[in-house]
All heavy atoms as atom14 arrays in JSON, in Angstrom:
{
  "sequence": "NMQYGTAMNVQFTAWTYCAVDLEAAAGGDYQILSDSDQRSGGAGDTA",
  "atom14_mask": [
    [1, 1, 1, 1, 1, 1, 1, 1, 0, 0, 0, 0, 0, 0],
    [1, 1, 1, 1, 1, 1, 1, 1, 0, 0, 0, 0, 0, 0],
    [1, 1, 1, 1, 1, 1, 1, 1, 1, 0, 0, 0, 0, 0],
    [1, 1, 1, 1, 1, 1, 1, 1, 1, 1, 1, 1, 0, 0],
    [1, 1, 1, 1, 0, 0, 0, 0, 0, 0, 0, 0, 0, 0],
    [1, 1, 1, 1, 1, 1, 1, 0, 0, 0, 0, 0, 0, 0],
    [1, 1, 1, 1, 1, 0, 0, 0, 0, 0, 0, 0, 0, 0],
    [1, 1, 1, 1, 1, 1, 1, 1, 0, 0, 0, 0, 0, 0],
    [1, 1, 1, 1, 1, 1, 1, 1, 0, 0, 0, 0, 0, 0],
    [1, 1, 1, 1, 1, 1, 1, 0, 0, 0, 0, 0, 0, 0],
    [1, 1, 1, 1, 1, 1, 1, 1, 1, 0, 0, 0, 0, 0],
    [1, 1, 1, 1, 1, 1, 1, 1, 1, 1, 1, 0, 0, 0],
    [1, 1, 1, 1, 1, 1, 1, 0, 0, 0, 0, 0, 0, 0],
    [1, 1, 1, 1, 1, 0, 0, 0, 0, 0, 0, 0, 0, 0],
    [1, 1, 1, 1, 1, 1, 1, 1, 1, 1, 1, 1, 1, 1],
    [1, 1, 1, 1, 1, 1, 1, 0, 0, 0, 0, 0, 0, 0],
    [1, 1, 1, 1, 1, 1, 1, 1, 1, 1, 1, 1, 0, 0],
    [1, 1, 1, 1, 1, 1, 0, 0, 0, 0, 0, 0, 0, 0],
    [1, 1, 1, 1, 1, 0, 0, 0, 0, 0, 0, 0, 0, 0],
    [1, 1, 1, 1, 1, 1, 1, 0, 0, 0, 0, 0, 0, 0],
    [1, 1, 1, 1, 1, 1, 1, 1, 0, 0, 0, 0, 0, 0],
    [1, 1, 1, 1, 1, 1, 1, 1, 0, 0, 0, 0, 0, 0],
    [1, 1, 1, 1, 1, 1, 1, 1, 1, 0, 0, 0, 0, 0],
    [1, 1, 1, 1, 1, 0, 0, 0, 0, 0, 0, 0, 0, 0],
    [1, 1, 1, 1, 1, 0, 0, 0, 0, 0, 0, 0, 0, 0],
    [1, 1, 1, 1, 1, 0, 0, 0, 0, 0, 0, 0, 0, 0],
    [1, 1, 1, 1, 0, 0, 0, 0, 0, 0, 0, 0, 0, 0],
    [1, 1, 1, 1, 0, 0, 0, 0, 0, 0, 0, 0, 0, 0],
    [1, 1, 1, 1, 1, 1, 1, 1, 0, 0, 0, 0, 0, 0],
    [1, 1, 1, 1, 1, 1, 1, 1, 1, 1, 1, 1, 0, 0],
    [1, 1, 1, 1, 1, 1, 1, 1, 1, 0, 0, 0, 0, 0],
    [1, 1, 1, 1, 1, 1, 1, 1, 0, 0, 0, 0, 0, 0],
    [1, 1, 1, 1, 1, 1, 1, 1, 0, 0, 0, 0, 0, 0],
    [1, 1, 1, 1, 1, 1, 0, 0, 0, 0, 0, 0, 0, 0],
    [1, 1, 1, 1, 1, 1, 1, 1, 0, 0, 0, 0, 0, 0],
    [1, 1, 1, 1, 1, 1, 0, 0, 0, 0, 0, 0, 0, 0],
    [1, 1, 1, 1, 1, 1, 1, 1, 0, 0, 0, 0, 0, 0],
    [1, 1, 1, 1, 1, 1, 1, 1, 1, 0, 0, 0, 0, 0],
    [1, 1, 1, 1, 1, 1, 1, 1, 1, 1, 1, 0, 0, 0],
    [1, 1, 1, 1, 1, 1, 0, 0, 0, 0, 0, 0, 0, 0],
    [1, 1, 1, 1, 0, 0, 0, 0, 0, 0, 0, 0, 0, 0],
    [1, 1, 1, 1, 0, 0, 0, 0, 0, 0, 0, 0, 0, 0],
    [1, 1, 1, 1, 1, 0, 0, 0, 0, 0, 0, 0, 0, 0],
    [1, 1, 1, 1, 0, 0, 0, 0, 0, 0, 0, 0, 0, 0],
    [1, 1, 1, 1, 1, 1, 1, 1, 0, 0, 0, 0, 0, 0],
    [1, 1, 1, 1, 1, 1, 1, 0, 0, 0, 0, 0, 0, 0],
    [1, 1, 1, 1, 1, 0, 0, 0, 0, 0, 0, 0, 0, 0]
  ],
  "atom14_positions": [
    [[-3.65, 1.02, -5.59], [-2.63, 0.55, -4.66], [-3.12, -0.73, -4.01], [-4.21, -0.77, -3.46], [-2.38, 1.63, -3.61], [-1.17, 1.37, -2.77], [-0.62, 0.28, -2.78], [-0.75, 2.38, -2.04], [0.0, 0.0, 0.0], [0.0, 0.0, 0.0], [0.0, 0.0, 0.0], [0.0, 0.0, 0.0], [0.0, 0.0, 0.0], [0.0, 0.0, 0.0]],
    [[-2.31, -1.78, -4.07], [-2.7, -3.09, -3.54], [-1.7, -3.59, -2.51], [-0.51, -3.31, -2.61], [-2.8, -4.1, -4.68], [-3.88, -3.74, -5.68], [-3.7, -4.59, -7.24], [-2.47, -3.58, -8.03], [0.0, 0.0, 0.0], [0.0, 0.0, 0.0], [0.0, 0.0, 0.0], [0.0, 0.0, 0.0], [0.0, 0.0, 0.0], [0.0, 0.0, 0.0]],
    [[-2.2, -4.32, -1.53], [-1.35, -4.94, -0.51], [-1.76, -6.41, -0.41], [-2.92, -6.71, -0.22], [-1.53, -4.25, 0.84], [-0.79, -4.89, 1.98], [0.7, -4.68, 1.91], [1.15, -3.63, 1.49], [1.47, -5.66, 2.29], [0.0, 0.0, 0.0], [0.0, 0.0, 0.0], [0.0, 0.0, 0.0], [0.0, 0.0, 0.0], [0.0, 0.0, 0.0]],
    [[-0.8, -7.3, -0.57], [-1.05, -8.74, -0.47], [-0.5, -9.22, 0.86], [0.56, -8.77, 1.3], [-0.35, -9.49, -1.61], [-0.73, -9.0, -2.98], [0.04, -8.04, -3.63], [-1.88, -9.47, -3.6], [-0.32, -7.58, -4.88], [-2.24, -9.0, -4.85], [-1.47, -8.07, -5.49], [-1.82, -7.6, -6.72], [0.0, 0.0, 0.0], [0.0, 0.0, 0.0]],
    [[-1.2, -10.12, 1.53], [-0.7, -10.6, 2.81], [-1.41, -11.85, 3.29], [-2.25, -12.42, 2.58], [0.0, 0.0, 0.0], [0.0, 0.0, 0.0], [0.0, 0.0, 0.0], [0.0, 0.0, 0.0], [0.0, 0.0, 0.0], [0.0, 0.0, 0.0], [0.0, 0.0, 0.0], [0.0, 0.0, 0.0], [0.0, 0.0, 0.0], [0.0, 0.0, 0.0]],
    [[-1.06, -12.25, 4.49], [-1.66, -13.41, 5.13], [-2.01, -13.04, 6.56], [-1.19, -12.45, 7.27], [-0.69, -14.61, 5.14], [-0.31, -14.9, 3.8], [-1.33, -15.84, 5.75], [0.0, 0.0, 0.0], [0.0, 0.0, 0.0], [0.0, 0.0, 0.0], [0.0, 0.0, 0.0], [0.0, 0.0, 0.0], [0.0, 0.0, 0.0], [0.0, 0.0, 0.0]],
    [[-3.22, -13.34, 6.97], [-3.67, -13.1, 8.34], [-4.35, -14.38, 8.83], [-5.29, -14.86, 8.2], [-4.64, -11.93, 8.39], [0.0, 0.0, 0.0], [0.0, 0.0, 0.0], [0.0, 0.0, 0.0], [0.0, 0.0, 0.0], [0.0, 0.0, 0.0], [0.0, 0.0, 0.0], [0.0, 0.0, 0.0], [0.0, 0.0, 0.0], [0.0, 0.0, 0.0]],
    [[-3.84, -14.91, 9.91], [-4.38, -16.15, 10.48], [-4.51, -17.24, 9.41], [-5.55, -17.86, 9.26], [-5.71, -15.89, 11.17], [-5.6, -14.97, 12.36], [-7.14, -14.74, 13.25], [-7.46, -16.4, 13.81], [0.0, 0.0, 0.0], [0.0, 0.0, 0.0], [0.0, 0.0, 0.0], [0.0, 0.0, 0.0], [0.0, 0.0, 0.0], [0.0, 0.0, 0.0]],
    [[-3.45, -17.44, 8.65], [-3.38, -18.47, 7.61], [-4.34, -18.26, 6.45], [-4.64, -19.2, 5.71], [-3.59, -19.87, 8.21], [-2.52, -20.21, 9.21], [-1.37, -19.83, 9.04], [-2.89, -20.91, 10.26], [0.0, 0.0, 0.0], [0.0, 0.0, 0.0], [0.0, 0.0, 0.0], [0.0, 0.0, 0.0], [0.0, 0.0, 0.0], [0.0, 0.0, 0.0]],
    [[-4.85, -17.06, 6.29], [-5.74, -16.74, 5.18], [-5.05, -15.67, 4.33], [-4.68, -14.63, 4.83], [-7.1, -16.21, 5.68], [-7.97, -15.79, 4.52], [-7.79, -17.25, 6.54], [0.0, 0.0, 0.0], [0.0, 0.0, 0.0], [0.0, 0.0, 0.0], [0.0, 0.0, 0.0], [0.0, 0.0, 0.0], [0.0, 0.0, 0.0], [0.0, 0.0, 0.0]],
    [[-4.9, -15.95, 3.04], [-4.31, -14.96, 2.15], [-5.36, -13.91, 1.79], [-6.53, -14.24, 1.61], [-3.79, -15.63, 0.89], [-2.61, -16.52, 1.16], [-2.05, -17.12, -0.11], [-2.69, -17.12, -1.15], [-0.84, -17.64, -0.03], [0.0, 0.0, 0.0], [0.0, 0.0, 0.0], [0.0, 0.0, 0.0], [0.0, 0.0, 0.0], [0.0, 0.0, 0.0]],
    [[-4.93, -12.65, 1.7], [-5.87, -11.58, 1.37], [-5.2, -10.57, 0.46], [-3.98, -10.52, 0.33], [-6.37, -10.88, 2.64], [-5.31, -10.07, 3.34], [-5.09, -8.75, 2.99], [-4.54, -10.64, 4.35], [-4.11, -8.01, 3.63], [-3.57, -9.9, 4.99], [-3.36, -8.59, 4.63], [0.0, 0.0, 0.0], [0.0, 0.0, 0.0], [0.0, 0.0, 0.0]],
    [[-6.04, -9.76, -0.17], [-5.6, -8.61, -0.94], [-6.44, -7.42, -0.5], [-7.66, -7.49, -0.49], [-5.81, -8.84, -2.45], [-5.13, -10.03, -2.85], [-5.3, -7.67, -3.26], [0.0, 0.0, 0.0], [0.0, 0.0, 0.0], [0.0, 0.0, 0.0], [0.0, 0.0, 0.0], [0.0, 0.0, 0.0], [0.0, 0.0, 0.0], [0.0, 0.0, 0.0]],
    [[-5.76, -6.35, -0.1], [-6.44, -5.09, 0.23], [-6.05, -4.09, -0.86], [-4.92, -4.11, -1.35], [-5.99, -4.59, 1.59], [0.0, 0.0, 0.0], [0.0, 0.0, 0.0], [0.0, 0.0, 0.0], [0.0, 0.0, 0.0], [0.0, 0.0, 0.0], [0.0, 0.0, 0.0], [0.0, 0.0, 0.0], [0.0, 0.0, 0.0], [0.0, 0.0, 0.0]],
    [[-7.0, -3.24, -1.26], [-6.68, -2.27, -2.3], [-7.48, -1.0, -2.1], [-8.49, -0.97, -1.4], [-6.92, -2.84, -3.69], [-8.35, -3.06, -4.04], [-9.21, -2.17, -4.62], [-9.12, -4.24, -3.8], [-10.44, -2.74, -4.78], [-10.42, -4.01, -4.28], [-8.83, -5.47, -3.23], [-11.42, -4.96, -4.19], [-9.83, -6.43, -3.15], [-11.1, -6.15, -3.64]],
    [[-6.97, 0.05, -2.74], [-7.66, 1.33, -2.74], [-7.3, 2.06, -4.02], [-6.27, 1.79, -4.64], [-7.28, 2.18, -1.51], [-8.1, 3.34, -1.47], [-5.82, 2.6, -1.55], [0.0, 0.0, 0.0], [0.0, 0.0, 0.0], [0.0, 0.0, 0.0], [0.0, 0.0, 0.0], [0.0, 0.0, 0.0], [0.0, 0.0, 0.0], [0.0, 0.0, 0.0]],
    [[-8.17, 2.96, -4.42], [-7.9, 3.87, -5.53], [-7.66, 5.24, -4.93], [-8.41, 5.67, -4.06], [-9.07, 3.91, -6.5], [-9.32, 2.59, -7.18], [-10.2, 1.66, -6.64], [-8.66, 2.27, -8.36], [-10.42, 0.44, -7.27], [-8.88, 1.06, -8.98], [-9.76, 0.15, -8.44], [-9.97, -1.05, -9.06], [0.0, 0.0, 0.0], [0.0, 0.0, 0.0]],
    [[-6.62, 5.93, -5.39], [-6.33, 7.23, -4.82], [-5.8, 8.18, -5.89], [-5.3, 7.74, -6.92], [-5.33, 7.12, -3.68], [-3.74, 6.45, -4.15], [0.0, 0.0, 0.0], [0.0, 0.0, 0.0], [0.0, 0.0, 0.0], [0.0, 0.0, 0.0], [0.0, 0.0, 0.0], [0.0, 0.0, 0.0], [0.0, 0.0, 0.0], [0.0, 0.0, 0.0]],
    [[-5.91, 9.47, -5.61], [-5.38, 10.5, -6.5], [-4.22, 11.19, -5.79], [-4.33, 11.58, -4.63], [-6.46, 11.51, -6.83], [0.0, 0.0, 0.0], [0.0, 0.0, 0.0], [0.0, 0.0, 0.0], [0.0, 0.0, 0.0], [0.0, 0.0, 0.0], [0.0, 0.0, 0.0], [0.0, 0.0, 0.0], [0.0, 0.0, 0.0], [0.0, 0.0, 0.0]],
    [[-3.1, 11.31, -6.51], [-1.94, 12.02, -5.98], [-1.72, 13.24, -6.87], [-1.61, 13.12, -8.09], [-0.68, 11.11, -6.0], [0.51, 11.87, -5.46], [-0.93, 9.83, -5.21], [0.0, 0.0, 0.0], [0.0, 0.0, 0.0], [0.0, 0.0, 0.0], [0.0, 0.0, 0.0], [0.0, 0.0, 0.0], [0.0, 0.0, 0.0], [0.0, 0.0, 0.0]],
    [[-1.68, 14.42, -6.25], [-1.47, 15.66, -6.98], [0.02, 15.94, -7.09], [0.78, 15.73, -6.14], [-2.18, 16.81, -6.29], [-3.69, 16.64, -6.33], [-4.2, 16.07, -7.31], [-4.36, 17.05, -5.37], [0.0, 0.0, 0.0], [0.0, 0.0, 0.0], [0.0, 0.0, 0.0], [0.0, 0.0, 0.0], [0.0, 0.0, 0.0], [0.0, 0.0, 0.0]],
    [[0.43, 16.42, -8.26], [1.84, 16.62, -8.56], [2.02, 17.9, -9.37], [1.26, 18.14, -10.32], [2.34, 15.41, -9.37], [3.64, 15.53, -10.14], [4.82, 15.59, -9.17], [3.8, 14.34, -11.08], [0.0, 0.0, 0.0], [0.0, 0.0, 0.0], [0.0, 0.0, 0.0], [0.0, 0.0, 0.0], [0.0, 0.0, 0.0], [0.0, 0.0, 0.0]],
    [[2.99, 18.69, -8.99], [3.38, 19.88, -9.77], [4.66, 19.5, -10.5], [5.74, 19.48, -9.9], [3.6, 21.08, -8.85], [3.93, 22.36, -9.57], [2.73, 22.98, -10.29], [1.59, 22.8, -9.84], [2.95, 23.64, -11.31], [0.0, 0.0, 0.0], [0.0, 0.0, 0.0], [0.0, 0.0, 0.0], [0.0, 0.0, 0.0], [0.0, 0.0, 0.0]],
    [[4.56, 19.18, -11.78], [5.71, 18.72, -12.56], [6.53, 19.9, -13.06], [5.98, 20.89, -13.53], [5.24, 17.88, -13.74], [0.0, 0.0, 0.0], [0.0, 0.0, 0.0], [0.0, 0.0, 0.0], [0.0, 0.0, 0.0], [0.0, 0.0, 0.0], [0.0, 0.0, 0.0], [0.0, 0.0, 0.0], [0.0, 0.0, 0.0], [0.0, 0.0, 0.0]],
    [[7.85, 19.78, -12.95], [8.77, 20.8, -13.46], [9.25, 20.4, -14.84], [9.26, 19.2, -15.18], [9.95, 20.95, -12.51], [0.0, 0.0, 0.0], [0.0, 0.0, 0.0], [0.0, 0.0, 0.0], [0.0, 0.0, 0.0], [0.0, 0.0, 0.0], [0.0, 0.0, 0.0], [0.0, 0.0, 0.0], [0.0, 0.0, 0.0], [0.0, 0.0, 0.0]],
    [[9.68, 21.35, -15.63], [10.23, 21.06, -16.96], [11.45, 20.15, -16.8], [12.34, 20.43, -16.01], [10.62, 22.35, -17.66], [0.0, 0.0, 0.0], [0.0, 0.0, 0.0], [0.0, 0.0, 0.0], [0.0, 0.0, 0.0], [0.0, 0.0, 0.0], [0.0, 0.0, 0.0], [0.0, 0.0, 0.0], [0.0, 0.0, 0.0], [0.0, 0.0, 0.0]],
    [[11.46, 19.05, -17.51], [12.57, 18.1, -17.44], [12.58, 17.25, -16.2], [13.53, 16.52, -15.95], [0.0, 0.0, 0.0], [0.0, 0.0, 0.0], [0.0, 0.0, 0.0], [0.0, 0.0, 0.0], [0.0, 0.0, 0.0], [0.0, 0.0, 0.0], [0.0, 0.0, 0.0], [0.0, 0.0, 0.0], [0.0, 0.0, 0.0], [0.0, 0.0, 0.0]],
    [[11.53, 17.33, -15.4], [11.46, 16.58, -14.14], [11.31, 15.08, -14.38], [10.75, 14.64, -15.37], [0.0, 0.0, 0.0], [0.0, 0.0, 0.0], [0.0, 0.0, 0.0], [0.0, 0.0, 0.0], [0.0, 0.0, 0.0], [0.0, 0.0, 0.0], [0.0, 0.0, 0.0], [0.0, 0.0, 0.0], [0.0, 0.0, 0.0], [0.0, 0.0, 0.0]],
    [[11.85, 14.31, -13.44], [11.77, 12.84, -13.48], [11.17, 12.4, -12.16], [11.74, 12.66, -11.1], [13.17, 12.26, -13.68], [13.14, 10.79, -14.06], [12.03, 10.25, -14.26], [14.22, 10.2, -14.16], [0.0, 0.0, 0.0], [0.0, 0.0, 0.0], [0.0, 0.0, 0.0], [0.0, 0.0, 0.0], [0.0, 0.0, 0.0], [0.0, 0.0, 0.0]],
    [[10.02, 11.74, -12.21], [9.28, 11.38, -11.01], [9.0, 9.89, -10.99], [8.86, 9.26, -12.03], [7.95, 12.16, -10.95], [8.16, 13.64, -11.03], [8.08, 14.3, -12.24], [8.47, 14.36, -9.89], [8.29, 15.66, -12.33], [8.68, 15.73, -9.97], [8.6, 16.37, -11.18], [8.82, 17.71, -11.27], [0.0, 0.0, 0.0], [0.0, 0.0, 0.0]],
    [[8.91, 9.34, -9.78], [8.63, 7.92, -9.63], [7.48, 7.73, -8.65], [7.42, 8.39, -7.61], [9.87, 7.21, -9.11], [9.71, 5.72, -9.06], [11.04, 5.03, -8.74], [12.09, 5.62, -8.83], [10.96, 3.79, -8.39], [0.0, 0.0, 0.0], [0.0, 0.0, 0.0], [0.0, 0.0, 0.0], [0.0, 0.0, 0.0], [0.0, 0.0, 0.0]],
    [[6.57, 6.81, -9.0], [5.45, 6.46, -8.14], [5.91, 5.33, -7.22], [6.45, 4.33, -7.69], [4.24, 5.94, -8.96], [3.83, 6.95, -10.02], [3.09, 5.56, -8.07], [3.1, 8.14, -9.5], [0.0, 0.0, 0.0], [0.0, 0.0, 0.0], [0.0, 0.0, 0.0], [0.0, 0.0, 0.0], [0.0, 0.0, 0.0], [0.0, 0.0, 0.0]],
    [[5.7, 5.48, -5.9], [6.1, 4.48, -4.92], [4.93, 4.09, -4.03], [4.04, 4.91, -3.77], [7.23, 5.01, -4.04], [8.51, 5.45, -4.73], [9.45, 6.09, -3.72], [9.17, 4.26, -5.4], [0.0, 0.0, 0.0], [0.0, 0.0, 0.0], [0.0, 0.0, 0.0], [0.0, 0.0, 0.0], [0.0, 0.0, 0.0], [0.0, 0.0, 0.0]],
    [[4.97, 2.89, -3.52], [3.98, 2.41, -2.57], [4.55, 2.53, -1.17], [5.69, 2.13, -0.92], [3.62, 0.95, -2.86], [2.83, 0.42, -1.82], [0.0, 0.0, 0.0], [0.0, 0.0, 0.0], [0.0, 0.0, 0.0], [0.0, 0.0, 0.0], [0.0, 0.0, 0.0], [0.0, 0.0, 0.0], [0.0, 0.0, 0.0], [0.0, 0.0, 0.0]],
    [[3.77, 3.06, -0.25], [4.13, 3.1, 1.17], [3.21, 2.19, 1.97], [2.85, 2.48, 3.1], [4.03, 4.53, 1.72], [5.25, 5.35, 1.41], [6.29, 4.76, 1.09], [5.17, 6.58, 1.5], [0.0, 0.0, 0.0], [0.0, 0.0, 0.0], [0.0, 0.0, 0.0], [0.0, 0.0, 0.0], [0.0, 0.0, 0.0], [0.0, 0.0, 0.0]],
    [[2.82, 1.08, 1.38], [1.91, 0.15, 2.05], [2.68, -0.7, 3.06], [3.86, -0.97, 2.9], [1.23, -0.75, 1.01], [0.47, 0.04, 0.14], [0.0, 0.0, 0.0], [0.0, 0.0, 0.0], [0.0, 0.0, 0.0], [0.0, 0.0, 0.0], [0.0, 0.0, 0.0], [0.0, 0.0, 0.0], [0.0, 0.0, 0.0], [0.0, 0.0, 0.0]],
    [[1.96, -1.12, 4.09], [2.59, -1.88, 5.16], [1.56, -2.82, 5.77], [0.36, -2.56, 5.73], [3.13, -0.92, 6.23], [3.97, -1.62, 7.27], [4.61, -2.65, 6.95], [4.01, -1.13, 8.42], [0.0, 0.0, 0.0], [0.0, 0.0, 0.0], [0.0, 0.0, 0.0], [0.0, 0.0, 0.0], [0.0, 0.0, 0.0], [0.0, 0.0, 0.0]],
    [[2.05, -3.92, 6.33], [1.19, -4.88, 7.03], [1.86, -5.23, 8.35], [3.05, -5.55, 8.38], [1.01, -6.15, 6.2], [0.27, -7.24, 6.92], [0.24, -8.53, 6.13], [0.4, -8.53, 4.92], [0.04, -9.63, 6.8], [0.0, 0.0, 0.0], [0.0, 0.0, 0.0], [0.0, 0.0, 0.0], [0.0, 0.0, 0.0], [0.0, 0.0, 0.0]],
    [[1.1, -5.16, 9.44], [1.63, -5.51, 10.76], [0.68, -6.44, 11.47], [-0.53, -6.23, 11.46], [1.83, -4.26, 11.59], [2.87, -3.35, 11.0], [3.18, -2.21, 11.88], [4.17, -1.39, 11.19], [4.57, -0.24, 11.61], [4.09, 0.22, 12.73], [5.47, 0.44, 10.94], [0.0, 0.0, 0.0], [0.0, 0.0, 0.0], [0.0, 0.0, 0.0]],
    [[1.25, -7.45, 12.07], [0.46, -8.41, 12.84], [0.48, -8.0, 14.3], [1.52, -7.65, 14.85], [1.03, -9.82, 12.69], [0.95, -10.23, 11.36], [0.0, 0.0, 0.0], [0.0, 0.0, 0.0], [0.0, 0.0, 0.0], [0.0, 0.0, 0.0], [0.0, 0.0, 0.0], [0.0, 0.0, 0.0], [0.0, 0.0, 0.0], [0.0, 0.0, 0.0]],
    [[-0.7, -8.07, 14.9], [-0.82, -7.73, 16.32], [-1.21, -8.96, 17.12], [-1.16, -10.09, 16.63], [0.0, 0.0, 0.0], [0.0, 0.0, 0.0], [0.0, 0.0, 0.0], [0.0, 0.0, 0.0], [0.0, 0.0, 0.0], [0.0, 0.0, 0.0], [0.0, 0.0, 0.0], [0.0, 0.0, 0.0], [0.0, 0.0, 0.0], [0.0, 0.0, 0.0]],
    [[-1.61, -8.75, 18.33], [-2.04, -9.85, 19.18], [-3.38, -10.4, 18.76], [-4.15, -9.77, 18.04], [0.0, 0.0, 0.0], [0.0, 0.0, 0.0], [0.0, 0.0, 0.0], [0.0, 0.0, 0.0], [0.0, 0.0, 0.0], [0.0, 0.0, 0.0], [0.0, 0.0, 0.0], [0.0, 0.0, 0.0], [0.0, 0.0, 0.0], [0.0, 0.0, 0.0]],
    [[-3.66, -11.62, 19.15], [-4.95, -12.28, 18.89], [-5.26, -12.4, 17.41], [-6.4, -12.43, 16.99], [-6.09, -11.56, 19.61], [0.0, 0.0, 0.0], [0.0, 0.0, 0.0], [0.0, 0.0, 0.0], [0.0, 0.0, 0.0], [0.0, 0.0, 0.0], [0.0, 0.0, 0.0], [0.0, 0.0, 0.0], [0.0, 0.0, 0.0], [0.0, 0.0, 0.0]],
    [[-4.22, -12.46, 16.57], [-4.42, -12.66, 15.14], [-4.82, -11.42, 14.36], [-5.17, -11.51, 13.2], [0.0, 0.0, 0.0], [0.0, 0.0, 0.0], [0.0, 0.0, 0.0], [0.0, 0.0, 0.0], [0.0, 0.0, 0.0], [0.0, 0.0, 0.0], [0.0, 0.0, 0.0], [0.0, 0.0, 0.0], [0.0, 0.0, 0.0], [0.0, 0.0, 0.0]],
    [[-4.8, -10.26, 15.01], [-5.14, -9.03, 14.3], [-4.06, -8.67, 13.28], [-2.88, -8.87, 13.53], [-5.28, -7.86, 15.28], [-6.47, -8.01, 16.2], [-7.37, -8.81, 15.87], [-6.51, -7.33, 17.23], [0.0, 0.0, 0.0], [0.0, 0.0, 0.0], [0.0, 0.0, 0.0], [0.0, 0.0, 0.0], [0.0, 0.0, 0.0], [0.0, 0.0, 0.0]],
    [[-4.49, -8.15, 12.16], [-3.56, -7.68, 11.14], [-3.99, -6.28, 10.71], [-5.14, -6.06, 10.37], [-3.56, -8.62, 9.91], [-3.16, -9.92, 10.34], [-2.61, -8.13, 8.85], [0.0, 0.0, 0.0], [0.0, 0.0, 0.0], [0.0, 0.0, 0.0], [0.0, 0.0, 0.0], [0.0, 0.0, 0.0], [0.0, 0.0, 0.0], [0.0, 0.0, 0.0]],
    [[-3.04, -5.35, 10.77], [-3.31, -3.97, 10.35], [-2.64, -3.73, 9.0], [-1.45, -4.02, 8.83], [-2.77, -2.99, 11.38], [0.0, 0.0, 0.0], [0.0, 0.0, 0.0], [0.0, 0.0, 0.0], [0.0, 0.0, 0.0], [0.0, 0.0, 0.0], [0.0, 0.0, 0.0], [0.0, 0.0, 0.0], [0.0, 0.0, 0.0], [0.0, 0.0, 0.0]]
  ]
}
């Protein structure tokens, strides 16, 4: 999972590797989604 962004005029990439457990049903249709987010705070902080 990767997140691209800019903090204080500097471009960055944050990433992580993760495992998601899934119980698949017969005939099931599943989609992988990203819930990544970037928020700027005061004094140039970026979460």
